Structures are given as structure tokens and as C-alpha cells.
Amino acid sequence: MIHVTQVFSFASAHLENSEGPPLIYEWDFGVILQDFDLLMLGLVNTLKITGLALIFGVPLGLFLALLRLSSTALLRWPASFIIEFLRTTPPIAQLFWFYFALPMMVGVEINPFSASVLTFSLQSSAFFAEVFRGGIVSISSGQWEAAKAIGMSRNQSLRRIILPQAVKRMIPAFLERAIELMKTTTLVGTISYADLLYQANNIAQESYRPLEVFTIAAAIYFVIIFICSLAVRRLERRLGRSGETTVH
């Protein structure tokens, strides 16, 4: 199988070995028009992985955050270890482990899609756990005391008083993490899941036009992530005007 680095090497060698003055690279984006549907399919797959990782990662992150905030050491210490392990180990190592090692241990084949969703759901949950924890502890202790004074249990206080206030502060951090997650999912191509970058790689190998293909792929990422970044900054300014402190 030819890799993109080989394509670049082939193009460079062709230009260097050509007789006469150095050749000027002639851009040709026609190949993109022919295979643009494949790039769009890859984008859909990228958004699918990102979306599912958020759907599963957010509630799991809340669960881990509550365990880490628990007064019971038997719950707090394992949760802290899981969070730190998932946050500090490389996502590509986690991806390889779930795709190659886990099937051998459980005796069940895991396809690239399932391995990708599992990996990024768990990794995201660790980051979301810290966002939840930061949001919860940012609420003043007086809120807890007031809820207790009117007869609420700790769980009721958390659900009715603390979380509604904390979530508002955490929204920008959640959106920023979602942006980082989308960029990190480019790793799924290493296990042959057909995301946007994987499709771009295949098109570049077939067309020997890696510059054009990856330029368009980068432009697609830029447009989506830039729009999301603008939304995050606008939301932060709105929360700042309302007096809310955001959590990062």
C-alpha cells in the first residue's frame, strides 16, 4: 500500500530529476471535484464519532466527577486514578489497545467504528469529569448550606441547586473540549476507519495530488472548527456580561 509520504517523495524526486530549470508546481483541484463525495462521507463519519463520543462521554464524565468528589475514599481514589490515567495516556495508545488487545482478551471482535467510539468516549469522559468537578466546586458553599437548611438532601441539592448553576458556567469548556475531540478523532484512520482524513489519504494515494487533497481537507476542518470557536467566544462574552464565571 502506498503511503502519502511516498506520494510526496515521488513528486519531489520527479521535480528534482527533471532536466532544465526547476519546475513550478501546477495546482489541479479537479481531482477533488471527482471524489468530493468521498470527502463528505468521511466528514459524516468524523462527525458521527465525535457526536457519539460526546453523547456517551458527558454522562460518564459526570458520574466520574461525582465519584471523585465523594467523601468516601473507596470511591474517590479509583475514580481519581481512572481520570488521570485516561487524561495522561496518549489517545492513539488507547485506540490501539481497544482495537487490538481487548478483542484478544474478551474473545469478541471489535470493528474500527466500535473501537473508536469506545476510545474517545472514555477519554472524553475523563476531561469532562474535570470540567464537571471544576464547575461544581466553583459554586459557593453557601448554596449547599441554604439547600440543607430547607431540608434538601445532598443529592437533591446537587440536582436542583448546584448542577443547574454549574452547567451554565461549564458550557464554554464543554464546547472547547468538543472542538479538541473532533481534531483528535483524526487518529481513527490508523485503524482503517474511514473518517475525513482517511478518505483524503486514499484520494491522495490514487491521484498523486496530496497537496490539493489535504489542502481541501484542512479547509473543511478549518471552517467547521472556526465556526465552533466563534460560537464559544460569543457565548463566553455573553456569560461574562451576565456576571457568570466560566470554567476551563
Protein backbone atom coordinates (compact mmCIF):
# COMPACT_ATOMS: atom_id res chain seq x y z
CA MET A 1 0.00 0.00 0.00
CA ILE A 2 1.40 3.40 -0.96
CA HIS A 3 1.51 6.00 1.80
CA VAL A 4 1.16 9.74 1.41
CA THR A 5 4.81 10.24 2.35
CA GLN A 6 5.73 8.06 -0.64
CA VAL A 7 3.49 10.18 -2.84
CA PHE A 8 5.24 13.34 -1.70
CA SER A 9 8.63 11.68 -2.19
CA PHE A 10 7.69 10.61 -5.70
CA ALA A 11 6.57 14.13 -6.63
CA SER A 12 9.70 15.70 -5.14
CA ALA A 13 12.00 13.27 -6.90
CA HIS A 14 10.22 13.91 -10.20
CA LEU A 15 10.76 17.64 -9.90
CA GLU A 16 14.38 17.32 -8.79
CA ASN A 17 15.33 14.88 -11.54
CA SER A 18 13.70 16.88 -14.30
CA GLU A 19 16.16 18.44 -16.73
CA GLY A 20 16.29 22.20 -17.19
CA PRO A 21 15.21 24.88 -14.73
CA PRO A 22 13.22 23.96 -11.59
CA LEU A 23 9.59 23.25 -12.38
CA ILE A 24 6.78 25.27 -10.83
CA TYR A 25 4.11 23.13 -9.24
CA GLU A 26 0.84 23.34 -11.11
CA TRP A 27 -2.15 23.07 -8.82
CA ASP A 28 -5.06 20.98 -10.04
CA PHE A 29 -8.15 20.71 -7.85
CA GLY A 30 -10.12 18.80 -10.45
CA VAL A 31 -9.47 15.52 -8.64
CA ILE A 32 -11.26 16.93 -5.60
CA LEU A 33 -14.43 17.51 -7.61
CA GLN A 34 -14.35 13.90 -8.81
CA ASP A 35 -14.04 12.45 -5.30
CA PHE A 36 -15.68 15.19 -3.22
CA ASP A 37 -18.47 12.80 -2.23
CA LEU A 38 -15.87 10.59 -0.53
CA LEU A 39 -14.59 13.54 1.48
CA MET A 40 -18.16 14.35 2.54
CA LEU A 41 -18.68 10.74 3.56
CA GLY A 42 -15.50 10.96 5.61
CA LEU A 43 -16.75 14.16 7.22
CA VAL A 44 -20.02 12.47 8.18
CA ASN A 45 -18.04 9.63 9.76
CA THR A 46 -15.88 12.13 11.65
CA LEU A 47 -18.95 13.93 12.99
CA LYS A 48 -20.52 10.58 13.88
CA ILE A 49 -17.56 9.55 16.04
CA THR A 50 -17.41 13.00 17.62
CA GLY A 51 -21.13 13.08 18.35
CA LEU A 52 -21.29 9.61 19.90
CA ALA A 53 -18.18 10.28 21.99
CA LEU A 54 -19.96 13.35 23.39
CA ILE A 55 -23.23 11.51 23.98
CA PHE A 56 -21.51 8.77 25.99
CA GLY A 57 -18.64 10.82 27.40
CA VAL A 58 -20.65 13.60 29.07
CA PRO A 59 -22.82 11.44 31.39
CA LEU A 60 -19.87 9.17 32.17
CA GLY A 61 -17.82 12.26 32.95
CA LEU A 62 -20.47 13.46 35.39
CA PHE A 63 -20.50 10.04 37.05
CA LEU A 64 -16.71 10.07 37.45
CA ALA A 65 -16.77 13.64 38.76
CA LEU A 66 -19.32 12.75 41.44
CA LEU A 67 -17.22 9.75 42.47
CA ARG A 68 -14.13 11.94 42.67
CA LEU A 69 -15.97 14.45 44.85
CA SER A 70 -17.26 11.71 47.12
CA SER A 71 -16.28 11.81 50.78
CA THR A 72 -15.74 8.04 50.64
CA ALA A 73 -12.12 7.23 49.83
CA LEU A 74 -13.11 3.84 48.37
CA LEU A 75 -15.00 5.69 45.64
CA ARG A 76 -12.80 8.76 45.33
CA TRP A 77 -9.41 7.11 44.80
CA PRO A 78 -10.36 4.68 41.97
CA ALA A 79 -12.21 7.48 40.17
CA SER A 80 -9.19 9.77 40.50
CA PHE A 81 -6.91 7.08 39.11
CA ILE A 82 -9.20 6.37 36.13
CA ILE A 83 -9.50 10.07 35.30
CA GLU A 84 -5.77 10.72 35.49
CA PHE A 85 -4.92 7.56 33.55
CA LEU A 86 -7.27 8.41 30.69
CA ARG A 87 -6.12 12.03 30.59
CA THR A 88 -2.38 11.33 30.63
CA THR A 89 -2.05 8.34 28.30
CA PRO A 90 -1.84 9.00 24.53
CA PRO A 91 -5.19 8.53 22.79
CA ILE A 92 -3.55 6.56 19.99
CA ALA A 93 -2.26 4.05 22.54
CA GLN A 94 -5.77 3.71 23.96
CA LEU A 95 -7.18 3.31 20.45
CA PHE A 96 -4.73 0.52 19.60
CA TRP A 97 -5.40 -1.20 22.89
CA PHE A 98 -9.18 -1.27 22.41
CA TYR A 99 -8.88 -2.34 18.78
CA PHE A 100 -6.11 -4.94 19.02
CA ALA A 101 -5.69 -6.04 22.65
CA LEU A 102 -9.25 -6.02 24.02
CA PRO A 103 -10.63 -8.44 21.37
CA MET A 104 -7.92 -10.95 22.27
CA MET A 105 -8.79 -10.65 25.96
CA VAL A 106 -12.58 -10.95 25.66
CA GLY A 107 -12.67 -13.14 22.56
CA VAL A 108 -15.02 -10.79 20.70
CA GLU A 109 -14.09 -8.99 17.50
CA ILE A 110 -14.33 -5.18 17.71
CA ASN A 111 -14.65 -3.24 14.47
CA PRO A 112 -12.92 0.12 13.90
CA PHE A 113 -16.12 2.09 14.50
CA SER A 114 -16.83 0.48 17.87
CA ALA A 115 -13.20 0.78 18.98
CA SER A 116 -13.17 4.46 18.01
CA VAL A 117 -16.39 5.28 19.85
CA LEU A 118 -15.26 3.37 22.93
CA THR A 119 -11.84 5.03 22.99
CA PHE A 120 -12.96 8.61 22.57
CA SER A 121 -15.99 8.22 24.83
CA LEU A 122 -13.77 7.05 27.69
CA GLN A 123 -11.03 9.58 27.04
CA SER A 124 -13.51 12.43 26.77
CA SER A 125 -15.25 11.34 29.95
CA ALA A 126 -12.02 11.96 31.88
CA PHE A 127 -11.78 15.53 30.59
CA PHE A 128 -15.48 16.16 31.12
CA ALA A 129 -15.15 14.81 34.66
CA GLU A 130 -12.66 17.56 35.43
CA VAL A 131 -14.93 20.16 33.84
CA PHE A 132 -17.86 18.95 35.96
CA ARG A 133 -15.72 18.88 39.09
CA GLY A 134 -14.47 22.41 38.45
CA GLY A 135 -18.00 23.65 37.84
CA ILE A 136 -19.39 22.03 40.98
CA VAL A 137 -16.66 23.26 43.31
CA SER A 138 -16.98 26.78 41.83
CA ILE A 139 -20.43 27.10 43.43
CA SER A 140 -20.14 28.72 46.83
CA SER A 141 -20.64 26.61 49.94
CA GLY A 142 -23.48 28.92 50.92
CA GLN A 143 -25.62 27.33 48.19
CA TRP A 144 -25.14 23.91 49.77
CA GLU A 145 -25.91 25.28 53.22
CA ALA A 146 -29.05 27.05 52.02
CA ALA A 147 -30.32 23.88 50.36
CA LYS A 148 -29.61 21.90 53.52
CA ALA A 149 -31.42 24.49 55.60
CA ILE A 150 -34.66 23.96 53.69
CA GLY A 151 -34.44 20.20 54.16
CA MET A 152 -32.84 19.05 50.90
CA SER A 153 -30.59 16.01 50.86
CA ARG A 154 -27.15 16.21 49.22
CA ASN A 155 -28.44 14.53 46.05
CA GLN A 156 -31.43 16.86 45.86
CA SER A 157 -29.18 19.88 46.40
CA LEU A 158 -26.86 18.74 43.66
CA ARG A 159 -29.64 18.04 41.18
CA ARG A 160 -31.86 21.07 41.86
CA ILE A 161 -29.47 23.81 43.01
CA ILE A 162 -25.81 23.12 42.23
CA LEU A 163 -25.79 21.47 38.79
CA PRO A 164 -28.16 23.97 37.08
CA GLN A 165 -25.81 26.80 38.10
CA ALA A 166 -22.61 24.86 37.38
CA VAL A 167 -23.66 23.67 33.93
CA LYS A 168 -24.17 27.25 32.75
CA ARG A 169 -20.58 28.02 33.67
CA MET A 170 -19.29 24.83 32.08
CA ILE A 171 -20.87 25.22 28.62
CA PRO A 172 -17.87 27.03 27.02
CA ALA A 173 -15.48 24.42 28.39
CA PHE A 174 -17.68 21.64 27.01
CA LEU A 175 -17.70 23.25 23.57
CA GLU A 176 -13.93 23.73 23.61
CA ARG A 177 -13.48 20.08 24.52
CA ALA A 178 -15.81 19.06 21.69
CA ILE A 179 -13.59 21.01 19.27
CA GLU A 180 -10.46 19.29 20.59
CA LEU A 181 -12.25 15.95 20.35
CA MET A 182 -13.03 16.46 16.67
CA LYS A 183 -9.36 17.14 15.94
CA THR A 184 -8.23 14.14 17.97
CA THR A 185 -10.54 11.78 16.07
CA THR A 186 -8.20 12.09 13.07
CA LEU A 187 -6.33 9.21 14.74
CA VAL A 188 -9.06 6.73 13.80
CA GLY A 189 -7.57 6.42 10.33
CA THR A 190 -4.74 4.41 11.89
CA ILE A 191 -7.19 1.52 12.41
CA SER A 192 -8.75 2.00 8.96
CA TYR A 193 -11.90 3.82 9.97
CA ALA A 194 -12.96 5.96 7.02
CA ASP A 195 -13.01 9.42 8.57
CA LEU A 196 -12.30 12.62 6.64
CA LEU A 197 -8.51 12.37 6.89
CA TYR A 198 -8.54 8.67 5.99
CA GLN A 199 -10.56 9.39 2.84
CA ALA A 200 -8.23 12.26 1.96
CA ASN A 201 -5.28 9.91 2.35
CA ASN A 202 -6.82 7.37 -0.03
CA ILE A 203 -7.67 10.01 -2.63
CA ALA A 204 -4.13 11.40 -2.43
CA GLN A 205 -2.64 7.93 -2.98
CA GLU A 206 -4.79 7.32 -6.05
CA SER A 207 -4.41 10.77 -7.61
CA TYR A 208 -0.83 11.64 -6.62
CA ARG A 209 -2.20 15.06 -5.71
CA PRO A 210 -1.64 15.17 -1.93
CA LEU A 211 -1.19 18.94 -1.79
CA GLU A 212 -4.59 19.64 -3.28
CA VAL A 213 -6.38 16.89 -1.37
CA PHE A 214 -5.01 17.77 2.05
CA THR A 215 -5.47 21.47 1.43
CA ILE A 216 -9.20 20.89 0.91
CA ALA A 217 -9.37 18.53 3.91
CA ALA A 218 -7.67 21.14 6.09
CA ALA A 219 -10.06 23.81 4.78
CA ILE A 220 -13.06 21.66 5.75
CA TYR A 221 -11.72 21.19 9.28
CA PHE A 222 -10.94 24.91 9.50
CA VAL A 223 -14.43 26.02 8.51
CA ILE A 224 -16.19 23.73 10.98
CA ILE A 225 -13.82 24.33 13.89
CA PHE A 226 -13.60 28.08 13.26
CA ILE A 227 -17.39 28.43 13.36
CA CYS A 228 -17.49 26.43 16.60
CA SER A 229 -14.70 28.58 18.07
CA LEU A 230 -16.60 31.75 17.24
CA ALA A 231 -19.66 30.33 18.97
CA VAL A 232 -17.60 29.54 22.08
CA ARG A 233 -16.12 33.04 22.25
CA ARG A 234 -19.51 34.64 21.73
CA LEU A 235 -21.00 32.51 24.50
CA GLU A 236 -18.15 33.38 26.85
CA ARG A 237 -18.69 37.11 26.24
CA ARG A 238 -22.41 36.72 26.88
CA LEU A 239 -21.79 34.85 30.13
CA GLY A 240 -19.22 37.48 31.09
CA ARG A 241 -21.76 40.25 30.63
CA SER A 242 -24.26 38.34 32.75
CA GLY A 243 -21.72 38.02 35.56
CA GLU A 244 -21.14 34.27 35.21
CA THR A 245 -17.63 32.89 35.56
CA THR A 246 -16.78 30.20 33.04
CA VAL A 247 -14.91 27.01 33.93
CA HIS A 248 -11.88 25.81 31.93
